[in-house]
Amino acid sequence: MTIRGPLWVYQPLLARYLYRRDFVTSTTTTTTTAFTRSSLNDIRHKLKPELTVHPSDLPGHTISISGRGPREAAVLIPLMNIDARPHILMEVRASELRTHAGEVSFPGGKVDSTDTSLTQAALREAFEELALPTDRVEILGMLDCPEYSLGNKARVWPIVGFLHSQSPATTTSILPSGNLASLQIRELVASPDEVSAILPLPLSALTDPARQSLHFFRMDSRKPYFKIKVDDLVHQPSSDRISQQQQDLEIWGLSGWFLNRLAWKLGWMDQPAIPDSEE
């Protein structure tokens, strides 16, 4: 774009030219203020729109596992308010599972033949694992790109939504700055075959230095992120079922990577610096 004449004449045009999705960095949500209608709109603007195509029409795979393309999978990253504080709903996987047993994860799983979209798969799995009512979820968008889970032999698509106290379609109108109500943790029922415990993660935990430890995604020094210690945040469905399992429990691996990427995208935490290469 060539500019001729006084710059002030072109400032409104220049502002519109530069105002694109990738340049928006402000947010109306902090790690301590509750989600509001205004902040959800802001989050939606920063995320990639959800893919509504049938899973069979998704882009081709960039890797193969055991000589074949991985299956598709989707996870739901559920945002919610608890006691007027912003949280992300996570879960502790059952210790009997074949892969990633006892680890912290988002609800979700592989796409099956009944799913017509990635979003439907994520919501179906969330209902199966946590009895999370699908009509209470407002989908806000997706992270920029999926990642491969080598343990599950799947390409995982992260979908972000907000958990309302009732269906968003029937929610009464409130001021844009008013705190949104979410369902109660006690309304959720963890499937014992898949989930050992529920983990409502306060956003404030993401920036607590006492909880952070530097790690590298897939041991790639170009991909630093923070593991988050959460053993004291577990909401156990039974007395001492995971007492040993939850010791030194951290959010790491693919779930930790997705969590960090979302936090960087929305301005909740700073991305760790990439270490200088060794001479």
C-alpha atoms as a PDB file:
ATOM      1  CA  MET A   1       0.000   0.000   0.000  1.00  0.00           C
ATOM      2  CA  THR A   2       1.533   3.303  -1.133  1.00  0.00           C
ATOM      3  CA  ILE A   3       0.818   6.378   1.019  1.00  0.00           C
ATOM      4  CA  ARG A   4       1.022   9.866  -0.440  1.00  0.00           C
ATOM      5  CA  GLY A   5       0.206  13.105   1.376  1.00  0.00           C
ATOM      6  CA  PRO A   6      -0.052  13.856   5.104  1.00  0.00           C
ATOM      7  CA  LEU A   7      -0.054  10.718   7.247  1.00  0.00           C
ATOM      8  CA  TRP A   8      -2.902  11.941   9.421  1.00  0.00           C
ATOM      9  CA  VAL A   9      -5.253  11.778   6.438  1.00  0.00           C
ATOM     10  CA  TYR A  10      -4.620   8.044   6.124  1.00  0.00           C
ATOM     11  CA  GLN A  11      -4.613   7.072   9.792  1.00  0.00           C
ATOM     12  CA  PRO A  12      -8.245   5.805   9.868  1.00  0.00           C
ATOM     13  CA  LEU A  13      -7.626   3.749   6.708  1.00  0.00           C
ATOM     14  CA  LEU A  14      -4.335   2.429   8.073  1.00  0.00           C
ATOM     15  CA  ALA A  15      -5.989   1.396  11.304  1.00  0.00           C
ATOM     16  CA  ARG A  16      -8.630  -0.582   9.414  1.00  0.00           C
ATOM     17  CA  TYR A  17      -5.948  -2.141   7.218  1.00  0.00           C
ATOM     18  CA  LEU A  18      -3.971  -3.372  10.220  1.00  0.00           C
ATOM     19  CA  TYR A  19      -6.952  -4.443  12.302  1.00  0.00           C
ATOM     20  CA  ARG A  20      -6.980  -8.142  11.527  1.00  0.00           C
ATOM     21  CA  ARG A  21      -7.541 -11.216  13.661  1.00  0.00           C
ATOM     22  CA  ASP A  22      -3.833 -11.850  14.206  1.00  0.00           C
ATOM     23  CA  PHE A  23      -3.172  -8.345  15.516  1.00  0.00           C
ATOM     24  CA  VAL A  24      -5.783  -8.372  18.291  1.00  0.00           C
ATOM     25  CA  THR A  25      -4.041  -8.786  21.631  1.00  0.00           C
ATOM     26  CA  SER A  26      -6.305  -7.102  24.176  1.00  0.00           C
ATOM     27  CA  THR A  27      -8.530  -9.211  26.389  1.00  0.00           C
ATOM     28  CA  THR A  28     -11.321  -8.487  28.840  1.00  0.00           C
ATOM     29  CA  THR A  29     -10.532 -11.597  30.883  1.00  0.00           C
ATOM     30  CA  THR A  30      -7.690 -11.918  33.358  1.00  0.00           C
ATOM     31  CA  THR A  31      -6.723 -14.943  35.414  1.00  0.00           C
ATOM     32  CA  THR A  32      -8.761 -13.604  38.351  1.00  0.00           C
ATOM     33  CA  THR A  33     -11.851 -12.009  36.774  1.00  0.00           C
ATOM     34  CA  ALA A  34     -14.891 -14.081  35.884  1.00  0.00           C
ATOM     35  CA  PHE A  35     -15.911 -14.784  32.317  1.00  0.00           C
ATOM     36  CA  THR A  36     -18.513 -12.358  30.999  1.00  0.00           C
ATOM     37  CA  ARG A  37     -20.399 -12.072  27.725  1.00  0.00           C
ATOM     38  CA  SER A  38     -17.913  -9.406  26.671  1.00  0.00           C
ATOM     39  CA  SER A  39     -14.905 -11.608  27.428  1.00  0.00           C
ATOM     40  CA  LEU A  40     -16.424 -14.578  25.583  1.00  0.00           C
ATOM     41  CA  ASN A  41     -16.893 -12.386  22.529  1.00  0.00           C
ATOM     42  CA  ASP A  42     -13.253 -11.348  22.814  1.00  0.00           C
ATOM     43  CA  ILE A  43     -12.119 -14.967  23.101  1.00  0.00           C
ATOM     44  CA  ARG A  44     -14.236 -15.982  20.121  1.00  0.00           C
ATOM     45  CA  HIS A  45     -12.593 -13.257  18.053  1.00  0.00           C
ATOM     46  CA  LYS A  46      -9.101 -14.554  18.839  1.00  0.00           C
ATOM     47  CA  LEU A  47      -9.781 -18.216  18.148  1.00  0.00           C
ATOM     48  CA  LYS A  48     -10.067 -19.998  14.841  1.00  0.00           C
ATOM     49  CA  PRO A  49     -13.710 -20.725  13.908  1.00  0.00           C
ATOM     50  CA  GLU A  50     -14.773 -24.305  14.535  1.00  0.00           C
ATOM     51  CA  LEU A  51     -14.617 -26.694  11.594  1.00  0.00           C
ATOM     52  CA  THR A  52     -18.097 -27.815  10.593  1.00  0.00           C
ATOM     53  CA  VAL A  53     -17.026 -30.206   7.840  1.00  0.00           C
ATOM     54  CA  HIS A  54     -17.515 -33.942   8.166  1.00  0.00           C
ATOM     55  CA  PRO A  55     -14.443 -35.647   9.682  1.00  0.00           C
ATOM     56  CA  SER A  56     -13.924 -37.564   6.444  1.00  0.00           C
ATOM     57  CA  ASP A  57     -13.381 -34.235   4.649  1.00  0.00           C
ATOM     58  CA  LEU A  58     -10.592 -32.978   6.922  1.00  0.00           C
ATOM     59  CA  PRO A  59      -7.140 -32.192   5.445  1.00  0.00           C
ATOM     60  CA  GLY A  60      -4.812 -35.129   4.857  1.00  0.00           C
ATOM     61  CA  HIS A  61      -2.402 -36.300   7.527  1.00  0.00           C
ATOM     62  CA  THR A  62       1.215 -35.207   7.630  1.00  0.00           C
ATOM     63  CA  ILE A  63       2.468 -38.370   9.346  1.00  0.00           C
ATOM     64  CA  SER A  64       1.658 -42.063   9.324  1.00  0.00           C
ATOM     65  CA  ILE A  65       1.573 -44.433  12.275  1.00  0.00           C
ATOM     66  CA  SER A  66       2.102 -48.155  11.733  1.00  0.00           C
ATOM     67  CA  GLY A  67       1.857 -47.565   8.009  1.00  0.00           C
ATOM     68  CA  ARG A  68      -1.544 -45.862   8.089  1.00  0.00           C
ATOM     69  CA  GLY A  69      -2.985 -42.443   8.729  1.00  0.00           C
ATOM     70  CA  PRO A  70      -3.946 -41.684  12.343  1.00  0.00           C
ATOM     71  CA  ARG A  71      -7.576 -41.458  13.356  1.00  0.00           C
ATOM     72  CA  GLU A  72      -9.202 -38.128  14.114  1.00  0.00           C
ATOM     73  CA  ALA A  73      -9.895 -37.077  17.700  1.00  0.00           C
ATOM     74  CA  ALA A  74     -11.214 -33.962  19.400  1.00  0.00           C
ATOM     75  CA  VAL A  75     -11.004 -32.587  22.921  1.00  0.00           C
ATOM     76  CA  LEU A  76     -13.165 -29.977  24.571  1.00  0.00           C
ATOM     77  CA  ILE A  77     -11.422 -27.212  26.521  1.00  0.00           C
ATOM     78  CA  PRO A  78     -14.312 -26.142  28.776  1.00  0.00           C
ATOM     79  CA  LEU A  79     -14.152 -22.673  30.330  1.00  0.00           C
ATOM     80  CA  MET A  80     -16.367 -21.978  33.334  1.00  0.00           C
ATOM     81  CA  ASN A  81     -16.896 -19.722  36.336  1.00  0.00           C
ATOM     82  CA  ILE A  82     -16.709 -21.084  39.884  1.00  0.00           C
ATOM     83  CA  ASP A  83     -17.371 -18.693  42.766  1.00  0.00           C
ATOM     84  CA  ALA A  84     -16.957 -15.736  40.379  1.00  0.00           C
ATOM     85  CA  ARG A  85     -13.496 -16.903  39.314  1.00  0.00           C
ATOM     86  CA  PRO A  86     -12.489 -18.204  35.864  1.00  0.00           C
ATOM     87  CA  HIS A  87     -11.650 -21.902  35.576  1.00  0.00           C
ATOM     88  CA  ILE A  88     -10.937 -24.581  33.001  1.00  0.00           C
ATOM     89  CA  LEU A  89     -12.545 -27.967  33.537  1.00  0.00           C
ATOM     90  CA  MET A  90     -10.133 -30.889  33.275  1.00  0.00           C
ATOM     91  CA  GLU A  91     -10.121 -34.507  34.433  1.00  0.00           C
ATOM     92  CA  VAL A  92      -7.759 -37.186  35.737  1.00  0.00           C
ATOM     93  CA  ARG A  93      -7.768 -40.260  33.533  1.00  0.00           C
ATOM     94  CA  ALA A  94      -8.487 -43.620  35.135  1.00  0.00           C
ATOM     95  CA  SER A  95      -5.450 -45.638  36.136  1.00  0.00           C
ATOM     96  CA  GLU A  96      -6.734 -48.708  34.251  1.00  0.00           C
ATOM     97  CA  LEU A  97      -6.658 -47.069  30.816  1.00  0.00           C
ATOM     98  CA  ARG A  98      -4.180 -48.402  28.272  1.00  0.00           C
ATOM     99  CA  THR A  99      -2.712 -45.009  27.355  1.00  0.00           C
ATOM    100  CA  HIS A 100      -1.984 -41.903  29.429  1.00  0.00           C
ATOM    101  CA  ALA A 101      -3.373 -43.587  32.543  1.00  0.00           C
ATOM    102  CA  GLY A 102      -3.554 -41.334  35.595  1.00  0.00           C
ATOM    103  CA  GLU A 103      -2.708 -38.198  33.620  1.00  0.00           C
ATOM    104  CA  VAL A 104      -4.596 -34.903  33.562  1.00  0.00           C
ATOM    105  CA  SER A 105      -6.469 -34.346  30.323  1.00  0.00           C
ATOM    106  CA  PHE A 106      -9.348 -32.528  28.703  1.00  0.00           C
ATOM    107  CA  PRO A 107     -12.566 -34.438  28.052  1.00  0.00           C
ATOM    108  CA  GLY A 108     -12.583 -35.859  24.554  1.00  0.00           C
ATOM    109  CA  GLY A 109     -11.601 -38.783  22.404  1.00  0.00           C
ATOM    110  CA  LYS A 110     -11.606 -40.337  18.963  1.00  0.00           C
ATOM    111  CA  VAL A 111     -14.203 -39.554  16.330  1.00  0.00           C
ATOM    112  CA  ASP A 112     -16.572 -42.453  15.691  1.00  0.00           C
ATOM    113  CA  SER A 113     -18.925 -43.292  12.837  1.00  0.00           C
ATOM    114  CA  THR A 114     -21.858 -41.431  14.412  1.00  0.00           C
ATOM    115  CA  ASP A 115     -20.051 -38.083  14.623  1.00  0.00           C
ATOM    116  CA  THR A 116     -20.758 -35.600  11.852  1.00  0.00           C
ATOM    117  CA  SER A 117     -18.179 -33.068  13.043  1.00  0.00           C
ATOM    118  CA  LEU A 118     -15.223 -32.673  15.384  1.00  0.00           C
ATOM    119  CA  THR A 119     -17.369 -30.609  17.745  1.00  0.00           C
ATOM    120  CA  GLN A 120     -19.967 -33.364  17.962  1.00  0.00           C
ATOM    121  CA  ALA A 121     -17.226 -35.867  18.803  1.00  0.00           C
ATOM    122  CA  ALA A 122     -15.807 -33.660  21.579  1.00  0.00           C
ATOM    123  CA  LEU A 123     -19.255 -33.050  23.083  1.00  0.00           C
ATOM    124  CA  ARG A 124     -20.221 -36.718  22.886  1.00  0.00           C
ATOM    125  CA  GLU A 125     -17.033 -37.768  24.658  1.00  0.00           C
ATOM    126  CA  ALA A 126     -17.483 -35.065  27.311  1.00  0.00           C
ATOM    127  CA  PHE A 127     -20.967 -36.388  28.016  1.00  0.00           C
ATOM    128  CA  GLU A 128     -19.741 -39.992  28.182  1.00  0.00           C
ATOM    129  CA  GLU A 129     -16.841 -39.137  30.507  1.00  0.00           C
ATOM    130  CA  LEU A 130     -18.397 -36.478  32.758  1.00  0.00           C
ATOM    131  CA  ALA A 131     -22.140 -36.492  31.999  1.00  0.00           C
ATOM    132  CA  LEU A 132     -21.588 -32.940  30.795  1.00  0.00           C
ATOM    133  CA  PRO A 133     -24.864 -31.716  29.222  1.00  0.00           C
ATOM    134  CA  THR A 134     -24.100 -30.849  25.609  1.00  0.00           C
ATOM    135  CA  ASP A 135     -26.804 -28.186  25.471  1.00  0.00           C
ATOM    136  CA  ARG A 136     -24.994 -26.188  28.182  1.00  0.00           C
ATOM    137  CA  VAL A 137     -21.856 -25.733  26.048  1.00  0.00           C
ATOM    138  CA  GLU A 138     -21.339 -22.630  23.950  1.00  0.00           C
ATOM    139  CA  ILE A 139     -18.643 -23.320  21.357  1.00  0.00           C
ATOM    140  CA  LEU A 140     -16.236 -20.393  21.000  1.00  0.00           C
ATOM    141  CA  GLY A 141     -13.766 -21.740  18.440  1.00  0.00           C
ATOM    142  CA  MET A 142     -10.582 -23.786  18.093  1.00  0.00           C
ATOM    143  CA  LEU A 143      -6.881 -23.427  18.598  1.00  0.00           C
ATOM    144  CA  ASP A 144      -4.883 -22.741  15.448  1.00  0.00           C
ATOM    145  CA  CYS A 145      -3.869 -26.282  14.582  1.00  0.00           C
ATOM    146  CA  PRO A 146      -4.157 -29.865  15.858  1.00  0.00           C
ATOM    147  CA  GLU A 147      -1.380 -32.013  17.268  1.00  0.00           C
ATOM    148  CA  TYR A 148      -0.687 -35.720  16.982  1.00  0.00           C
ATOM    149  CA  SER A 149      -1.076 -37.998  19.981  1.00  0.00           C
ATOM    150  CA  LEU A 150       1.348 -40.840  19.374  1.00  0.00           C
ATOM    151  CA  GLY A 151       0.005 -42.854  22.296  1.00  0.00           C
ATOM    152  CA  ASN A 152      -3.556 -42.804  20.963  1.00  0.00           C
ATOM    153  CA  LYS A 153      -2.472 -42.836  17.299  1.00  0.00           C
ATOM    154  CA  ALA A 154      -4.724 -39.881  16.571  1.00  0.00           C
ATOM    155  CA  ARG A 155      -4.690 -36.303  15.341  1.00  0.00           C
ATOM    156  CA  VAL A 156      -6.236 -34.245  18.142  1.00  0.00           C
ATOM    157  CA  TRP A 157      -8.228 -31.071  17.467  1.00  0.00           C
ATOM    158  CA  PRO A 158      -8.708 -28.720  20.480  1.00  0.00           C
ATOM    159  CA  ILE A 159     -12.145 -27.084  20.670  1.00  0.00           C
ATOM    160  CA  VAL A 160     -12.874 -24.312  23.175  1.00  0.00           C
ATOM    161  CA  GLY A 161     -16.269 -23.762  24.765  1.00  0.00           C
ATOM    162  CA  PHE A 162     -17.943 -22.168  27.777  1.00  0.00           C
ATOM    163  CA  LEU A 163     -20.096 -24.127  30.232  1.00  0.00           C
ATOM    164  CA  HIS A 164     -23.336 -22.341  31.096  1.00  0.00           C
ATOM    165  CA  SER A 165     -25.684 -23.057  33.981  1.00  0.00           C
ATOM    166  CA  GLN A 166     -28.443 -23.628  31.443  1.00  0.00           C
ATOM    167  CA  SER A 167     -28.738 -23.817  27.697  1.00  0.00           C
ATOM    168  CA  PRO A 168     -27.261 -20.668  26.082  1.00  0.00           C
ATOM    169  CA  ALA A 169     -30.380 -20.496  23.905  1.00  0.00           C
ATOM    170  CA  THR A 170     -32.557 -20.013  27.010  1.00  0.00           C
ATOM    171  CA  THR A 171     -30.161 -17.880  29.054  1.00  0.00           C
ATOM    172  CA  THR A 172     -31.755 -14.595  30.026  1.00  0.00           C
ATOM    173  CA  SER A 173     -30.068 -11.472  28.727  1.00  0.00           C
ATOM    174  CA  ILE A 174     -27.480  -9.920  31.040  1.00  0.00           C
ATOM    175  CA  LEU A 175     -25.156  -6.974  30.739  1.00  0.00           C
ATOM    176  CA  PRO A 176     -22.007  -7.640  28.680  1.00  0.00           C
ATOM    177  CA  SER A 177     -19.919  -7.042  31.807  1.00  0.00           C
ATOM    178  CA  GLY A 178     -22.016  -9.274  34.078  1.00  0.00           C
ATOM    179  CA  ASN A 179     -20.531 -12.551  35.342  1.00  0.00           C
ATOM    180  CA  LEU A 180     -21.855 -15.612  33.533  1.00  0.00           C
ATOM    181  CA  ALA A 181     -23.204 -18.531  35.566  1.00  0.00           C
ATOM    182  CA  SER A 182     -21.819 -22.019  34.963  1.00  0.00           C
ATOM    183  CA  LEU A 183     -23.083 -25.448  35.906  1.00  0.00           C
ATOM    184  CA  GLN A 184     -22.074 -26.746  39.325  1.00  0.00           C
ATOM    185  CA  ILE A 185     -19.242 -29.264  39.673  1.00  0.00           C
ATOM    186  CA  ARG A 186     -21.592 -31.465  41.688  1.00  0.00           C
ATOM    187  CA  GLU A 187     -23.765 -31.841  38.579  1.00  0.00           C
ATOM    188  CA  LEU A 188     -20.986 -33.752  36.818  1.00  0.00           C
ATOM    189  CA  VAL A 189     -20.650 -37.516  37.141  1.00  0.00           C
ATOM    190  CA  ALA A 190     -17.271 -39.039  36.316  1.00  0.00           C
ATOM    191  CA  SER A 191     -17.409 -42.317  34.407  1.00  0.00           C
ATOM    192  CA  PRO A 192     -15.389 -44.714  36.602  1.00  0.00           C
ATOM    193  CA  ASP A 193     -14.076 -46.619  33.569  1.00  0.00           C
ATOM    194  CA  GLU A 194     -12.497 -43.487  32.090  1.00  0.00           C
ATOM    195  CA  VAL A 195     -12.146 -40.797  34.759  1.00  0.00           C
ATOM    196  CA  SER A 196     -10.692 -41.028  38.272  1.00  0.00           C
ATOM    197  CA  ALA A 197     -11.417 -37.459  39.312  1.00  0.00           C
ATOM    198  CA  ILE A 198     -12.540 -34.052  38.156  1.00  0.00           C
ATOM    199  CA  LEU A 199     -10.090 -31.163  38.142  1.00  0.00           C
ATOM    200  CA  PRO A 200     -11.501 -27.615  38.030  1.00  0.00           C
ATOM    201  CA  LEU A 201      -8.380 -25.592  37.237  1.00  0.00           C
ATOM    202  CA  PRO A 202      -8.432 -21.909  38.287  1.00  0.00           C
ATOM    203  CA  LEU A 203      -6.769 -19.669  35.720  1.00  0.00           C
ATOM    204  CA  SER A 204      -4.766 -18.096  38.525  1.00  0.00           C
ATOM    205  CA  ALA A 205      -2.852 -21.398  38.837  1.00  0.00           C
ATOM    206  CA  LEU A 206      -1.337 -20.838  35.395  1.00  0.00           C
ATOM    207  CA  THR A 207       0.705 -17.858  36.558  1.00  0.00           C
ATOM    208  CA  ASP A 208       1.655 -19.144  40.019  1.00  0.00           C
ATOM    209  CA  PRO A 209       5.458 -19.603  40.002  1.00  0.00           C
ATOM    210  CA  ALA A 210       5.158 -22.241  42.727  1.00  0.00           C
ATOM    211  CA  ARG A 211       3.136 -24.408  40.336  1.00  0.00           C
ATOM    212  CA  GLN A 212       5.172 -23.874  37.170  1.00  0.00           C
ATOM    213  CA  SER A 213       8.095 -25.925  35.929  1.00  0.00           C
ATOM    214  CA  LEU A 214       9.712 -25.491  32.537  1.00  0.00           C
ATOM    215  CA  HIS A 215       9.378 -28.359  30.105  1.00  0.00           C
ATOM    216  CA  PHE A 216       9.727 -28.918  26.353  1.00  0.00           C
ATOM    217  CA  PHE A 217       6.949 -30.350  24.232  1.00  0.00           C
ATOM    218  CA  ARG A 218       8.146 -33.642  22.758  1.00  0.00           C
ATOM    219  CA  MET A 219      11.625 -32.727  24.046  1.00  0.00           C
ATOM    220  CA  ASP A 220      11.868 -30.028  21.364  1.00  0.00           C
ATOM    221  CA  SER A 221      13.944 -27.099  22.672  1.00  0.00           C
ATOM    222  CA  ARG A 222      12.039 -24.818  20.295  1.00  0.00           C
ATOM    223  CA  LYS A 223       8.780 -25.572  22.116  1.00  0.00           C
ATOM    224  CA  PRO A 224       9.147 -24.598  25.779  1.00  0.00           C
ATOM    225  CA  TYR A 225       6.063 -24.538  27.978  1.00  0.00           C
ATOM    226  CA  PHE A 226       5.121 -24.724  31.648  1.00  0.00           C
ATOM    227  CA  LYS A 227       3.979 -27.870  33.373  1.00  0.00           C
ATOM    228  CA  ILE A 228       1.442 -26.938  36.082  1.00  0.00           C
ATOM    229  CA  LYS A 229       1.367 -28.684  39.468  1.00  0.00           C
ATOM    230  CA  VAL A 230      -2.250 -29.421  40.436  1.00  0.00           C
ATOM    231  CA  ASP A 231      -2.265 -32.211  43.032  1.00  0.00           C
ATOM    232  CA  ASP A 232      -4.104 -30.006  45.540  1.00  0.00           C
ATOM    233  CA  LEU A 233      -6.845 -29.015  43.080  1.00  0.00           C
ATOM    234  CA  VAL A 234      -8.338 -32.450  42.399  1.00  0.00           C
ATOM    235  CA  HIS A 235     -12.036 -32.878  43.114  1.00  0.00           C
ATOM    236  CA  GLN A 236     -12.311 -36.542  44.098  1.00  0.00           C
ATOM    237  CA  PRO A 237     -15.581 -38.367  43.502  1.00  0.00           C
ATOM    238  CA  SER A 238     -14.787 -40.861  46.274  1.00  0.00           C
ATOM    239  CA  SER A 239     -12.842 -40.945  49.535  1.00  0.00           C
ATOM    240  CA  ASP A 240      -9.231 -41.870  48.747  1.00  0.00           C
ATOM    241  CA  ARG A 241      -9.473 -43.496  45.359  1.00  0.00           C
ATOM    242  CA  ILE A 242      -6.572 -41.638  43.794  1.00  0.00           C
ATOM    243  CA  SER A 243      -4.604 -40.602  46.860  1.00  0.00           C
ATOM    244  CA  GLN A 244      -1.397 -42.120  45.501  1.00  0.00           C
ATOM    245  CA  GLN A 245      -2.120 -41.172  41.902  1.00  0.00           C
ATOM    246  CA  GLN A 246      -2.608 -37.490  42.626  1.00  0.00           C
ATOM    247  CA  GLN A 247       0.712 -37.016  44.405  1.00  0.00           C
ATOM    248  CA  ASP A 248       2.891 -34.677  42.345  1.00  0.00           C
ATOM    249  CA  LEU A 249       0.146 -34.532  39.720  1.00  0.00           C
ATOM    250  CA  GLU A 250       0.993 -32.145  36.879  1.00  0.00           C
ATOM    251  CA  ILE A 251      -0.612 -30.977  33.670  1.00  0.00           C
ATOM    252  CA  TRP A 252       1.919 -31.781  30.979  1.00  0.00           C
ATOM    253  CA  GLY A 253       2.262 -33.525  27.615  1.00  0.00           C
ATOM    254  CA  LEU A 254      -0.311 -32.781  24.940  1.00  0.00           C
ATOM    255  CA  SER A 255      -2.859 -31.438  27.445  1.00  0.00           C
ATOM    256  CA  GLY A 256      -0.226 -29.141  28.956  1.00  0.00           C
ATOM    257  CA  TRP A 257       0.814 -27.974  25.511  1.00  0.00           C
ATOM    258  CA  PHE A 258      -2.780 -27.183  24.513  1.00  0.00           C
ATOM    259  CA  LEU A 259      -3.347 -25.414  27.852  1.00  0.00           C
ATOM    260  CA  ASN A 260      -0.263 -23.242  27.392  1.00  0.00           C
ATOM    261  CA  ARG A 261      -1.093 -22.455  23.789  1.00  0.00           C
ATOM    262  CA  LEU A 262      -4.575 -21.302  24.771  1.00  0.00           C
ATOM    263  CA  ALA A 263      -3.184 -19.179  27.610  1.00  0.00           C
ATOM    264  CA  TRP A 264      -0.653 -17.534  25.282  1.00  0.00           C
ATOM    265  CA  LYS A 265      -3.300 -16.940  22.641  1.00  0.00           C
ATOM    266  CA  LEU A 266      -5.646 -15.239  25.092  1.00  0.00           C
ATOM    267  CA  GLY A 267      -2.984 -13.329  26.994  1.00  0.00           C
ATOM    268  CA  TRP A 268      -3.356 -15.200  30.281  1.00  0.00           C
ATOM    269  CA  MET A 269       0.347 -16.028  30.557  1.00  0.00           C
ATOM    270  CA  ASP A 270       3.600 -15.265  28.757  1.00  0.00           C
ATOM    271  CA  GLN A 271       5.273 -17.850  26.582  1.00  0.00           C
ATOM    272  CA  PRO A 272       8.621 -19.030  27.986  1.00  0.00           C
ATOM    273  CA  ALA A 273      11.654 -17.820  26.062  1.00  0.00           C
ATOM    274  CA  ILE A 274      13.301 -20.274  23.716  1.00  0.00           C
ATOM    275  CA  PRO A 275      16.717 -21.102  25.178  1.00  0.00           C
ATOM    276  CA  ASP A 276      19.756 -19.852  23.298  1.00  0.00           C
ATOM    277  CA  SER A 277      21.290 -22.553  21.134  1.00  0.00           C
ATOM    278  CA  GLU A 278      24.498 -24.022  22.453  1.00  0.00           C
ATOM    279  CA  GLU A 279      27.675 -23.025  20.677  1.00  0.00           C
END
